[in-house]
Structures are given as structure tokens and as C-alpha cells.
Amino acid sequence: MNIGEELVASYLEHVKGCDFIQKNLYTPDVQGEIDVVGINLKERKVYICEVAIHLTTGLRYVKEKRPNNAQKLTEKFSRDIEYANKYFSDYERHIMLWSPIIKGSKEESKYNQEKDIAQIGANIKARYGFDIEFVINEKFLDCLTELRKFARTKTEELKNPVLRLLQIEESLLKHVRPKG
């Protein structure tokens, strides 16, 4: 189980109302794999998500011992968009990167994850006209908070292990006294 993909899948199902969720969708016709796809039939929306949970290093893809975030993710999102355009052309398409930690750097730094994110967004916008939805840092935390709120409202056992953990934590907070 990939906990990051489970979080995204839970969010798409319980917050975005997706009827179908597929993790690690192999796409042979565009030679790739999409981390999480969610489909909301009623609203005719599809969510195509790449998930990068790199806690210590932040977003860090490497090629030949050099950071390769912009190239790697531009290529991944290009394949994702080609897949979405082929199979979901009549749906509202949301192309997303979920990553909890994007590290800031000094403006003059050679390797800068915030600049990489901006470059990925610009590359995809220029090539396909899509805006990547970056669920990073504070926005990632906001989505996690939304999942916690959902879990807090449920009393039945939630079958998803991520939501069940959040549900247990939220219930426990009601029964323990703060230390101090």
C-alpha cells in the first residue's frame, strides 16, 4: 500500500465525490502509469493524479545524479493528458500533482523545487493548454484537514485504512485531556 496514493484516493472519493477510483493505472497505449484516477460520473469530472511523497528531500526526481523534476514530471503529465484526452475528452479534466513538501530555495540556487513546479506548470500549459493543479505544502495540508473533518463525522467503521486511522485519531481526541 502506498499511503500517499491512499490519501489521494480517499480525498477523491469522499471529498470530490468520485464514483470510481483506480490506483496505479497502467496505460499501455501511452506507455505509462498514472498514480490515481478518480471519476465523478454525475459531474462528469475526471481527476488524473500524480503523487510524490518525498518527506526528507521534498520533490526530488534524479537522472544521472542531478535533479530532474521538471523533465520527469513534464513527461509524466504529458502522458497523463494524452490518456485523459483520448478516454475522457467529454469530461472536465483535472490534472493534479500531490506532494506534501516542496522546498523553497534561495532565488539564485541552481536547484529549486519551487522553480521546478513553475516550470512544469508552464511546460504543460504551453503544450496542452492545461493548468496543473498543484496540491502541495499548505494546500496538501488543507486537503488532509478536509479528510480529517470527514472522518470525524462518521461513526461507522470506515473500511479504508487511511480514513480509519484518521477516524480513530479524531475519536481519541474527544476522550483524552490535553497535557499541560
N, C-alpha and C. Protein backbone atom coordinates (compact mmCIF):
# COMPACT_ATOMS: atom_id res chain seq x y z
N MET A 1 0.84 -1.17 0.00
CA MET A 1 0.00 0.00 0.00
C MET A 1 0.89 1.24 0.00
N ASN A 2 0.59 2.16 -0.88
CA ASN A 2 1.27 3.45 -0.92
C ASN A 2 0.38 4.45 -0.19
N ILE A 3 0.82 4.92 0.95
CA ILE A 3 -0.02 5.76 1.81
C ILE A 3 -0.40 7.07 1.11
N GLY A 4 0.50 7.63 0.31
CA GLY A 4 0.18 8.85 -0.42
C GLY A 4 -0.94 8.63 -1.41
N GLU A 5 -0.86 7.55 -2.15
CA GLU A 5 -1.92 7.24 -3.11
C GLU A 5 -3.24 6.94 -2.40
N GLU A 6 -3.17 6.30 -1.25
CA GLU A 6 -4.39 6.04 -0.46
C GLU A 6 -5.04 7.34 0.00
N LEU A 7 -4.21 8.30 0.43
CA LEU A 7 -4.75 9.61 0.84
C LEU A 7 -5.46 10.29 -0.32
N VAL A 8 -4.82 10.31 -1.47
CA VAL A 8 -5.41 10.96 -2.64
C VAL A 8 -6.69 10.25 -3.05
N ALA A 9 -6.66 8.93 -3.09
CA ALA A 9 -7.86 8.17 -3.46
C ALA A 9 -9.00 8.45 -2.49
N SER A 10 -8.70 8.51 -1.19
CA SER A 10 -9.73 8.80 -0.18
C SER A 10 -10.31 10.19 -0.38
N TYR A 11 -9.45 11.15 -0.66
CA TYR A 11 -9.90 12.52 -0.88
C TYR A 11 -10.83 12.58 -2.10
N LEU A 12 -10.42 11.95 -3.18
CA LEU A 12 -11.24 11.97 -4.40
C LEU A 12 -12.59 11.31 -4.17
N GLU A 13 -12.60 10.22 -3.43
CA GLU A 13 -13.86 9.52 -3.17
C GLU A 13 -14.77 10.29 -2.23
N HIS A 14 -14.24 10.71 -1.10
CA HIS A 14 -15.10 11.25 -0.04
C HIS A 14 -15.27 12.76 -0.08
N VAL A 15 -14.35 13.48 -0.67
CA VAL A 15 -14.49 14.94 -0.75
C VAL A 15 -14.95 15.36 -2.14
N LYS A 16 -14.38 14.76 -3.17
CA LYS A 16 -14.74 15.13 -4.55
C LYS A 16 -15.87 14.29 -5.12
N GLY A 17 -16.32 13.28 -4.39
CA GLY A 17 -17.48 12.51 -4.82
C GLY A 17 -17.25 11.58 -6.00
N CYS A 18 -16.03 11.09 -6.16
CA CYS A 18 -15.75 10.18 -7.27
C CYS A 18 -16.41 8.83 -7.05
N ASP A 19 -17.02 8.32 -8.11
CA ASP A 19 -17.69 7.02 -8.07
C ASP A 19 -16.71 5.87 -8.27
N PHE A 20 -15.67 6.13 -9.03
CA PHE A 20 -14.67 5.12 -9.34
C PHE A 20 -13.29 5.69 -9.08
N ILE A 21 -12.44 4.87 -8.46
CA ILE A 21 -11.06 5.23 -8.19
C ILE A 21 -10.19 4.08 -8.67
N GLN A 22 -9.14 4.40 -9.40
CA GLN A 22 -8.17 3.39 -9.80
C GLN A 22 -6.78 3.90 -9.42
N LYS A 23 -6.05 3.08 -8.70
CA LYS A 23 -4.67 3.41 -8.34
C LYS A 23 -3.74 2.62 -9.25
N ASN A 24 -2.62 3.24 -9.58
CA ASN A 24 -1.60 2.61 -10.43
C ASN A 24 -2.20 2.08 -11.74
N LEU A 25 -2.86 2.98 -12.44
CA LEU A 25 -3.49 2.63 -13.71
C LEU A 25 -2.43 2.53 -14.80
N TYR A 26 -2.23 1.33 -15.29
CA TYR A 26 -1.27 1.11 -16.36
C TYR A 26 -1.90 1.54 -17.67
N THR A 27 -1.19 2.35 -18.43
CA THR A 27 -1.73 2.88 -19.69
C THR A 27 -0.81 2.49 -20.84
N PRO A 28 -0.98 1.28 -21.38
CA PRO A 28 -0.05 0.79 -22.40
C PRO A 28 -0.04 1.63 -23.67
N ASP A 29 -1.18 2.21 -24.03
CA ASP A 29 -1.22 2.97 -25.28
C ASP A 29 -0.42 4.27 -25.21
N VAL A 30 -0.18 4.79 -24.00
CA VAL A 30 0.67 5.97 -23.86
C VAL A 30 1.92 5.65 -23.02
N GLN A 31 2.18 4.37 -22.84
CA GLN A 31 3.38 3.87 -22.17
C GLN A 31 3.64 4.54 -20.83
N GLY A 32 2.77 4.26 -19.90
CA GLY A 32 2.99 4.84 -18.58
C GLY A 32 2.06 4.27 -17.54
N GLU A 33 2.09 4.89 -16.40
CA GLU A 33 1.24 4.52 -15.28
C GLU A 33 0.81 5.82 -14.60
N ILE A 34 -0.45 5.88 -14.26
CA ILE A 34 -0.98 7.04 -13.55
C ILE A 34 -1.22 6.61 -12.11
N ASP A 35 -0.75 7.39 -11.16
CA ASP A 35 -0.83 7.00 -9.75
C ASP A 35 -2.27 6.83 -9.27
N VAL A 36 -3.13 7.82 -9.51
CA VAL A 36 -4.53 7.74 -9.08
C VAL A 36 -5.41 8.43 -10.11
N VAL A 37 -6.49 7.74 -10.48
CA VAL A 37 -7.52 8.31 -11.36
C VAL A 37 -8.85 8.21 -10.61
N GLY A 38 -9.57 9.32 -10.57
CA GLY A 38 -10.89 9.34 -9.97
C GLY A 38 -11.90 9.85 -10.98
N ILE A 39 -13.07 9.20 -11.01
CA ILE A 39 -14.11 9.59 -11.96
C ILE A 39 -15.39 9.91 -11.20
N ASN A 40 -15.88 11.13 -11.39
CA ASN A 40 -17.16 11.55 -10.84
C ASN A 40 -18.14 11.56 -12.00
N LEU A 41 -19.01 10.55 -12.05
CA LEU A 41 -19.92 10.39 -13.18
C LEU A 41 -20.98 11.48 -13.24
N LYS A 42 -21.55 11.83 -12.10
CA LYS A 42 -22.64 12.81 -12.05
C LYS A 42 -22.17 14.17 -12.57
N GLU A 43 -21.02 14.60 -12.14
CA GLU A 43 -20.49 15.91 -12.54
C GLU A 43 -19.63 15.83 -13.80
N ARG A 44 -19.40 14.61 -14.30
CA ARG A 44 -18.58 14.37 -15.49
C ARG A 44 -17.20 15.00 -15.35
N LYS A 45 -16.55 14.64 -14.24
CA LYS A 45 -15.19 15.11 -13.96
C LYS A 45 -14.27 13.91 -13.80
N VAL A 46 -13.06 14.08 -14.28
CA VAL A 46 -12.04 13.06 -14.07
C VAL A 46 -10.83 13.74 -13.44
N TYR A 47 -10.25 13.07 -12.47
CA TYR A 47 -9.07 13.56 -11.76
C TYR A 47 -7.91 12.63 -12.08
N ILE A 48 -6.89 13.18 -12.70
CA ILE A 48 -5.70 12.42 -13.07
C ILE A 48 -4.59 12.92 -12.15
N CYS A 49 -4.10 12.05 -11.27
CA CYS A 49 -3.21 12.50 -10.20
C CYS A 49 -1.87 11.76 -10.18
N GLU A 50 -0.83 12.54 -10.08
CA GLU A 50 0.50 12.00 -9.77
C GLU A 50 0.77 12.33 -8.31
N VAL A 51 1.35 11.38 -7.61
CA VAL A 51 1.57 11.52 -6.17
C VAL A 51 3.06 11.32 -5.89
N ALA A 52 3.66 12.32 -5.25
CA ALA A 52 5.09 12.25 -4.93
C ALA A 52 5.26 12.60 -3.45
N ILE A 53 5.48 11.57 -2.63
CA ILE A 53 5.64 11.76 -1.20
C ILE A 53 7.11 11.56 -0.86
N HIS A 54 7.86 12.64 -0.90
CA HIS A 54 9.28 12.62 -0.56
C HIS A 54 9.46 13.53 0.64
N LEU A 55 9.47 12.97 1.82
CA LEU A 55 9.42 13.78 3.04
C LEU A 55 10.74 14.46 3.36
N THR A 56 11.83 13.77 3.27
CA THR A 56 13.11 14.34 3.66
C THR A 56 13.65 15.30 2.61
N THR A 57 13.58 14.89 1.36
CA THR A 57 14.20 15.68 0.30
C THR A 57 13.24 16.66 -0.36
N GLY A 58 11.95 16.57 -0.06
CA GLY A 58 10.99 17.32 -0.85
C GLY A 58 10.88 16.64 -2.20
N LEU A 59 10.35 17.33 -3.18
CA LEU A 59 10.18 16.76 -4.51
C LEU A 59 11.56 16.53 -5.13
N ARG A 60 11.88 15.27 -5.38
CA ARG A 60 13.22 15.01 -5.89
C ARG A 60 13.25 13.77 -6.78
N TYR A 61 13.20 14.04 -8.07
CA TYR A 61 13.46 13.01 -9.06
C TYR A 61 14.86 13.30 -9.60
N VAL A 62 15.61 12.24 -9.85
CA VAL A 62 17.01 12.40 -10.22
C VAL A 62 17.30 11.60 -11.48
N LYS A 63 18.15 12.16 -12.33
CA LYS A 63 18.67 11.46 -13.51
C LYS A 63 20.16 11.78 -13.59
N GLU A 64 20.96 10.74 -13.66
CA GLU A 64 22.42 10.89 -13.70
C GLU A 64 22.92 11.77 -12.55
N LYS A 65 22.38 11.50 -11.36
CA LYS A 65 22.77 12.15 -10.11
C LYS A 65 22.49 13.65 -10.08
N ARG A 66 21.58 14.09 -10.92
CA ARG A 66 21.19 15.51 -10.96
C ARG A 66 19.66 15.59 -10.82
N PRO A 67 19.18 16.62 -10.13
CA PRO A 67 17.72 16.79 -10.04
C PRO A 67 17.08 16.85 -11.43
N ASN A 68 15.94 16.20 -11.56
CA ASN A 68 15.30 16.06 -12.86
C ASN A 68 13.78 16.25 -12.74
N ASN A 69 13.35 17.01 -11.76
CA ASN A 69 11.91 17.17 -11.51
C ASN A 69 11.14 17.67 -12.73
N ALA A 70 11.60 18.77 -13.32
CA ALA A 70 10.83 19.41 -14.39
C ALA A 70 10.68 18.48 -15.60
N GLN A 71 11.76 17.86 -16.03
CA GLN A 71 11.68 16.98 -17.19
C GLN A 71 10.84 15.74 -16.89
N LYS A 72 11.11 15.09 -15.78
CA LYS A 72 10.41 13.86 -15.42
C LYS A 72 8.90 14.09 -15.31
N LEU A 73 8.51 15.13 -14.58
CA LEU A 73 7.08 15.35 -14.36
C LEU A 73 6.40 15.94 -15.59
N THR A 74 7.10 16.72 -16.39
CA THR A 74 6.52 17.19 -17.65
C THR A 74 6.21 15.99 -18.54
N GLU A 75 7.13 15.03 -18.60
CA GLU A 75 6.89 13.82 -19.40
C GLU A 75 5.72 13.02 -18.85
N LYS A 76 5.68 12.83 -17.51
CA LYS A 76 4.58 12.08 -16.90
C LYS A 76 3.24 12.75 -17.17
N PHE A 77 3.18 14.06 -16.95
CA PHE A 77 1.91 14.76 -17.17
C PHE A 77 1.53 14.78 -18.64
N SER A 78 2.49 14.81 -19.53
CA SER A 78 2.18 14.75 -20.96
C SER A 78 1.48 13.44 -21.29
N ARG A 79 2.00 12.34 -20.78
CA ARG A 79 1.35 11.03 -21.00
C ARG A 79 -0.03 11.00 -20.34
N ASP A 80 -0.12 11.56 -19.14
CA ASP A 80 -1.41 11.60 -18.43
C ASP A 80 -2.46 12.36 -19.23
N ILE A 81 -2.07 13.49 -19.76
CA ILE A 81 -3.01 14.32 -20.53
C ILE A 81 -3.40 13.64 -21.82
N GLU A 82 -2.46 12.99 -22.48
CA GLU A 82 -2.79 12.25 -23.70
C GLU A 82 -3.80 11.15 -23.39
N TYR A 83 -3.62 10.47 -22.27
CA TYR A 83 -4.58 9.45 -21.84
C TYR A 83 -5.95 10.09 -21.58
N ALA A 84 -5.97 11.17 -20.81
CA ALA A 84 -7.23 11.84 -20.47
C ALA A 84 -7.92 12.36 -21.72
N ASN A 85 -7.17 12.93 -22.64
CA ASN A 85 -7.77 13.44 -23.88
C ASN A 85 -8.36 12.32 -24.72
N LYS A 86 -7.71 11.16 -24.71
CA LYS A 86 -8.19 10.03 -25.51
C LYS A 86 -9.45 9.41 -24.92
N TYR A 87 -9.48 9.22 -23.60
CA TYR A 87 -10.58 8.48 -22.99
C TYR A 87 -11.61 9.34 -22.27
N PHE A 88 -11.28 10.58 -21.98
CA PHE A 88 -12.19 11.44 -21.21
C PHE A 88 -12.33 12.82 -21.84
N SER A 89 -12.36 12.88 -23.16
CA SER A 89 -12.41 14.17 -23.84
C SER A 89 -13.69 14.94 -23.53
N ASP A 90 -14.76 14.24 -23.18
CA ASP A 90 -16.03 14.91 -22.89
C ASP A 90 -16.22 15.14 -21.38
N TYR A 91 -15.18 14.95 -20.59
CA TYR A 91 -15.21 15.20 -19.14
C TYR A 91 -14.40 16.45 -18.83
N GLU A 92 -14.75 17.08 -17.73
CA GLU A 92 -13.90 18.14 -17.18
C GLU A 92 -12.69 17.44 -16.58
N ARG A 93 -11.50 17.77 -17.08
CA ARG A 93 -10.30 17.06 -16.68
C ARG A 93 -9.48 17.88 -15.69
N HIS A 94 -9.15 17.26 -14.58
CA HIS A 94 -8.32 17.87 -13.55
C HIS A 94 -7.01 17.09 -13.49
N ILE A 95 -5.93 17.76 -13.80
CA ILE A 95 -4.61 17.14 -13.81
C ILE A 95 -3.90 17.67 -12.56
N MET A 96 -3.49 16.74 -11.66
CA MET A 96 -3.02 17.16 -10.34
C MET A 96 -1.69 16.53 -9.96
N LEU A 97 -0.89 17.33 -9.25
CA LEU A 97 0.30 16.81 -8.58
C LEU A 97 0.07 16.96 -7.08
N TRP A 98 0.16 15.86 -6.36
CA TRP A 98 0.03 15.84 -4.91
C TRP A 98 1.40 15.59 -4.32
N SER A 99 1.91 16.55 -3.57
CA SER A 99 3.21 16.40 -2.92
C SER A 99 3.22 17.28 -1.67
N PRO A 100 3.40 16.68 -0.50
CA PRO A 100 3.27 17.46 0.73
C PRO A 100 4.41 18.44 0.98
N ILE A 101 5.58 18.18 0.40
CA ILE A 101 6.73 19.03 0.71
C ILE A 101 7.43 19.45 -0.59
N ILE A 102 7.30 20.73 -0.87
CA ILE A 102 8.07 21.36 -1.94
C ILE A 102 8.93 22.39 -1.24
N LYS A 103 10.22 22.16 -1.28
CA LYS A 103 11.14 23.02 -0.53
C LYS A 103 11.45 24.30 -1.30
N GLY A 104 11.47 25.38 -0.55
CA GLY A 104 11.91 26.64 -1.11
C GLY A 104 13.43 26.71 -1.09
N SER A 105 13.98 27.50 -1.94
CA SER A 105 15.43 27.69 -2.01
C SER A 105 15.69 29.17 -2.24
N LYS A 106 16.93 29.53 -2.08
CA LYS A 106 17.31 30.90 -2.43
C LYS A 106 17.10 31.09 -3.92
N GLU A 107 16.72 32.28 -4.28
CA GLU A 107 16.42 32.59 -5.68
C GLU A 107 17.56 32.20 -6.62
N GLU A 108 18.78 32.40 -6.18
CA GLU A 108 19.94 32.13 -7.04
C GLU A 108 20.37 30.66 -7.03
N SER A 109 19.71 29.82 -6.25
CA SER A 109 20.09 28.40 -6.18
C SER A 109 19.92 27.73 -7.53
N LYS A 110 20.88 26.86 -7.85
CA LYS A 110 20.83 26.13 -9.11
C LYS A 110 19.65 25.16 -9.16
N TYR A 111 19.38 24.49 -8.04
CA TYR A 111 18.27 23.54 -7.96
C TYR A 111 17.22 24.10 -7.01
N ASN A 112 16.03 24.31 -7.52
CA ASN A 112 14.99 24.97 -6.76
C ASN A 112 13.66 24.29 -7.07
N GLN A 113 13.10 23.61 -6.08
CA GLN A 113 11.87 22.85 -6.30
C GLN A 113 10.68 23.76 -6.65
N GLU A 114 10.63 24.94 -6.07
CA GLU A 114 9.54 25.86 -6.41
C GLU A 114 9.63 26.30 -7.87
N LYS A 115 10.86 26.53 -8.35
CA LYS A 115 11.04 26.87 -9.77
C LYS A 115 10.67 25.68 -10.65
N ASP A 116 11.00 24.46 -10.18
CA ASP A 116 10.64 23.26 -10.93
C ASP A 116 9.13 23.16 -11.10
N ILE A 117 8.40 23.42 -10.03
CA ILE A 117 6.93 23.38 -10.09
C ILE A 117 6.42 24.40 -11.11
N ALA A 118 6.95 25.61 -11.06
CA ALA A 118 6.54 26.64 -12.00
C ALA A 118 6.88 26.22 -13.44
N GLN A 119 8.04 25.60 -13.63
CA GLN A 119 8.45 25.16 -14.97
C GLN A 119 7.54 24.05 -15.49
N ILE A 120 7.21 23.11 -14.63
CA ILE A 120 6.30 22.02 -15.02
C ILE A 120 4.96 22.61 -15.46
N GLY A 121 4.43 23.52 -14.65
CA GLY A 121 3.17 24.16 -14.99
C GLY A 121 3.23 24.90 -16.31
N ALA A 122 4.31 25.64 -16.53
CA ALA A 122 4.47 26.40 -17.78
C ALA A 122 4.62 25.46 -18.98
N ASN A 123 5.38 24.39 -18.81
CA ASN A 123 5.56 23.42 -19.91
C ASN A 123 4.23 22.83 -20.34
N ILE A 124 3.44 22.40 -19.37
CA ILE A 124 2.16 21.75 -19.68
C ILE A 124 1.16 22.76 -20.25
N LYS A 125 1.14 23.95 -19.70
CA LYS A 125 0.25 25.00 -20.21
C LYS A 125 0.57 25.30 -21.67
N ALA A 126 1.86 25.44 -21.98
CA ALA A 126 2.27 25.76 -23.35
C ALA A 126 1.96 24.61 -24.31
N ARG A 127 2.15 23.39 -23.85
CA ARG A 127 2.00 22.23 -24.73
C ARG A 127 0.54 21.80 -24.90
N TYR A 128 -0.26 21.88 -23.82
CA TYR A 128 -1.61 21.33 -23.87
C TYR A 128 -2.71 22.31 -23.49
N GLY A 129 -2.34 23.46 -22.95
CA GLY A 129 -3.36 24.42 -22.52
C GLY A 129 -4.00 24.07 -21.19
N PHE A 130 -3.45 23.09 -20.48
CA PHE A 130 -3.97 22.68 -19.18
C PHE A 130 -3.21 23.37 -18.06
N ASP A 131 -3.91 23.70 -17.00
CA ASP A 131 -3.26 24.16 -15.78
C ASP A 131 -3.15 22.97 -14.83
N ILE A 132 -1.94 22.63 -14.44
CA ILE A 132 -1.76 21.59 -13.44
C ILE A 132 -2.25 22.14 -12.11
N GLU A 133 -3.01 21.32 -11.38
CA GLU A 133 -3.44 21.70 -10.04
C GLU A 133 -2.40 21.14 -9.07
N PHE A 134 -1.65 22.03 -8.47
CA PHE A 134 -0.59 21.62 -7.55
C PHE A 134 -1.14 21.57 -6.13
N VAL A 135 -1.29 20.36 -5.61
CA VAL A 135 -1.74 20.16 -4.23
C VAL A 135 -0.47 19.91 -3.43
N ILE A 136 0.13 21.02 -3.02
CA ILE A 136 1.44 20.97 -2.37
C ILE A 136 1.42 21.81 -1.10
N ASN A 137 2.33 21.48 -0.19
CA ASN A 137 2.55 22.23 1.04
C ASN A 137 1.22 22.56 1.74
N GLU A 138 0.85 23.82 1.85
CA GLU A 138 -0.34 24.23 2.59
C GLU A 138 -1.62 23.63 2.00
N LYS A 139 -1.70 23.58 0.67
CA LYS A 139 -2.90 23.03 0.04
C LYS A 139 -3.02 21.53 0.34
N PHE A 140 -1.90 20.82 0.38
CA PHE A 140 -1.91 19.41 0.75
C PHE A 140 -2.44 19.26 2.18
N LEU A 141 -1.94 20.10 3.08
CA LEU A 141 -2.40 20.07 4.47
C LEU A 141 -3.88 20.39 4.56
N ASP A 142 -4.35 21.35 3.77
CA ASP A 142 -5.79 21.68 3.76
C ASP A 142 -6.63 20.48 3.34
N CYS A 143 -6.18 19.75 2.34
CA CYS A 143 -6.91 18.56 1.88
C CYS A 143 -6.91 17.48 2.95
N LEU A 144 -5.78 17.32 3.62
CA LEU A 144 -5.70 16.36 4.73
C LEU A 144 -6.66 16.76 5.84
N THR A 145 -6.76 18.04 6.12
CA THR A 145 -7.70 18.55 7.12
C THR A 145 -9.14 18.25 6.71
N GLU A 146 -9.45 18.40 5.42
CA GLU A 146 -10.80 18.06 4.94
C GLU A 146 -11.10 16.58 5.16
N LEU A 147 -10.11 15.73 4.93
CA LEU A 147 -10.31 14.29 5.18
C LEU A 147 -10.53 14.02 6.66
N ARG A 148 -9.78 14.70 7.51
CA ARG A 148 -9.97 14.55 8.96
C ARG A 148 -11.39 14.95 9.35
N LYS A 149 -11.88 16.05 8.83
CA LYS A 149 -13.24 16.51 9.13
C LYS A 149 -14.26 15.47 8.70
N PHE A 150 -14.05 14.89 7.52
CA PHE A 150 -14.94 13.84 7.05
C PHE A 150 -14.92 12.66 8.02
N ALA A 151 -13.72 12.21 8.37
CA ALA A 151 -13.57 11.06 9.27
C ALA A 151 -14.22 11.34 10.62
N ARG A 152 -14.11 12.56 11.10
CA ARG A 152 -14.67 12.96 12.39
C ARG A 152 -16.20 12.80 12.42
N THR A 153 -16.84 12.97 11.28
CA THR A 153 -18.31 12.94 11.22
C THR A 153 -18.88 11.53 11.12
N LYS A 154 -18.05 10.55 10.91
CA LYS A 154 -18.52 9.18 10.70
C LYS A 154 -18.36 8.34 11.96
N THR A 155 -19.39 7.59 12.28
CA THR A 155 -19.31 6.70 13.44
C THR A 155 -19.13 5.24 13.02
N GLU A 156 -19.56 4.91 11.82
CA GLU A 156 -19.38 3.53 11.35
C GLU A 156 -17.90 3.30 11.03
N GLU A 157 -17.50 2.02 11.06
CA GLU A 157 -16.11 1.70 10.76
C GLU A 157 -15.84 1.98 9.29
N LEU A 158 -14.90 2.86 9.04
CA LEU A 158 -14.52 3.16 7.67
C LEU A 158 -13.55 2.10 7.18
N LYS A 159 -13.83 1.53 6.05
CA LYS A 159 -13.05 0.39 5.55
C LYS A 159 -11.69 0.79 5.00
N ASN A 160 -11.54 2.02 4.58
CA ASN A 160 -10.26 2.48 4.07
C ASN A 160 -9.30 2.67 5.25
N PRO A 161 -8.11 2.05 5.22
CA PRO A 161 -7.21 2.13 6.38
C PRO A 161 -6.76 3.55 6.72
N VAL A 162 -6.59 4.40 5.72
CA VAL A 162 -6.19 5.78 5.98
C VAL A 162 -7.31 6.51 6.72
N LEU A 163 -8.52 6.38 6.22
CA LEU A 163 -9.65 7.06 6.87
C LEU A 163 -9.92 6.47 8.25
N ARG A 164 -9.74 5.18 8.39
CA ARG A 164 -9.95 4.56 9.70
C ARG A 164 -8.95 5.12 10.72
N LEU A 165 -7.69 5.29 10.32
CA LEU A 165 -6.70 5.88 11.22
C LEU A 165 -7.11 7.30 11.60
N LEU A 166 -7.51 8.10 10.64
CA LEU A 166 -7.95 9.46 10.94
C LEU A 166 -9.17 9.44 11.86
N GLN A 167 -10.07 8.52 11.62
CA GLN A 167 -11.27 8.39 12.44
C GLN A 167 -10.89 8.03 13.89
N ILE A 168 -9.97 7.12 14.06
CA ILE A 168 -9.51 6.74 15.40
C ILE A 168 -8.87 7.94 16.09
N GLU A 169 -8.00 8.64 15.39
CA GLU A 169 -7.34 9.81 15.98
C GLU A 169 -8.37 10.88 16.38
N GLU A 170 -9.31 11.14 15.53
CA GLU A 170 -10.31 12.17 15.83
C GLU A 170 -11.20 11.75 17.00
N SER A 171 -11.55 10.48 17.07
CA SER A 171 -12.36 9.99 18.20
C SER A 171 -11.57 10.03 19.50
N LEU A 172 -10.31 9.66 19.42
CA LEU A 172 -9.46 9.67 20.60
C LEU A 172 -9.33 11.08 21.17
N LEU A 173 -9.23 12.08 20.31
CA LEU A 173 -9.11 13.46 20.77
C LEU A 173 -10.30 13.91 21.62
N LYS A 174 -11.44 13.29 21.43
CA LYS A 174 -12.64 13.62 22.20
C LYS A 174 -12.57 13.04 23.63
N HIS A 175 -11.69 12.06 23.83
CA HIS A 175 -11.69 11.32 25.10
C HIS A 175 -10.42 11.49 25.93
N VAL A 176 -9.48 12.24 25.47
CA VAL A 176 -8.27 12.45 26.25
C VAL A 176 -8.16 13.92 26.65
N ARG A 177 -7.53 14.13 27.77
CA ARG A 177 -7.34 15.50 28.25
C ARG A 177 -6.03 16.04 27.70
N PRO A 178 -6.02 17.28 27.29
CA PRO A 178 -4.73 17.84 26.85
C PRO A 178 -3.74 17.88 28.00
N LYS A 179 -2.49 17.61 27.72
CA LYS A 179 -1.44 17.67 28.74
C LYS A 179 -1.02 19.12 28.92
N GLY A 180 -0.66 19.42 30.13
CA GLY A 180 -0.16 20.76 30.33
C GLY A 180 -0.61 21.37 31.55
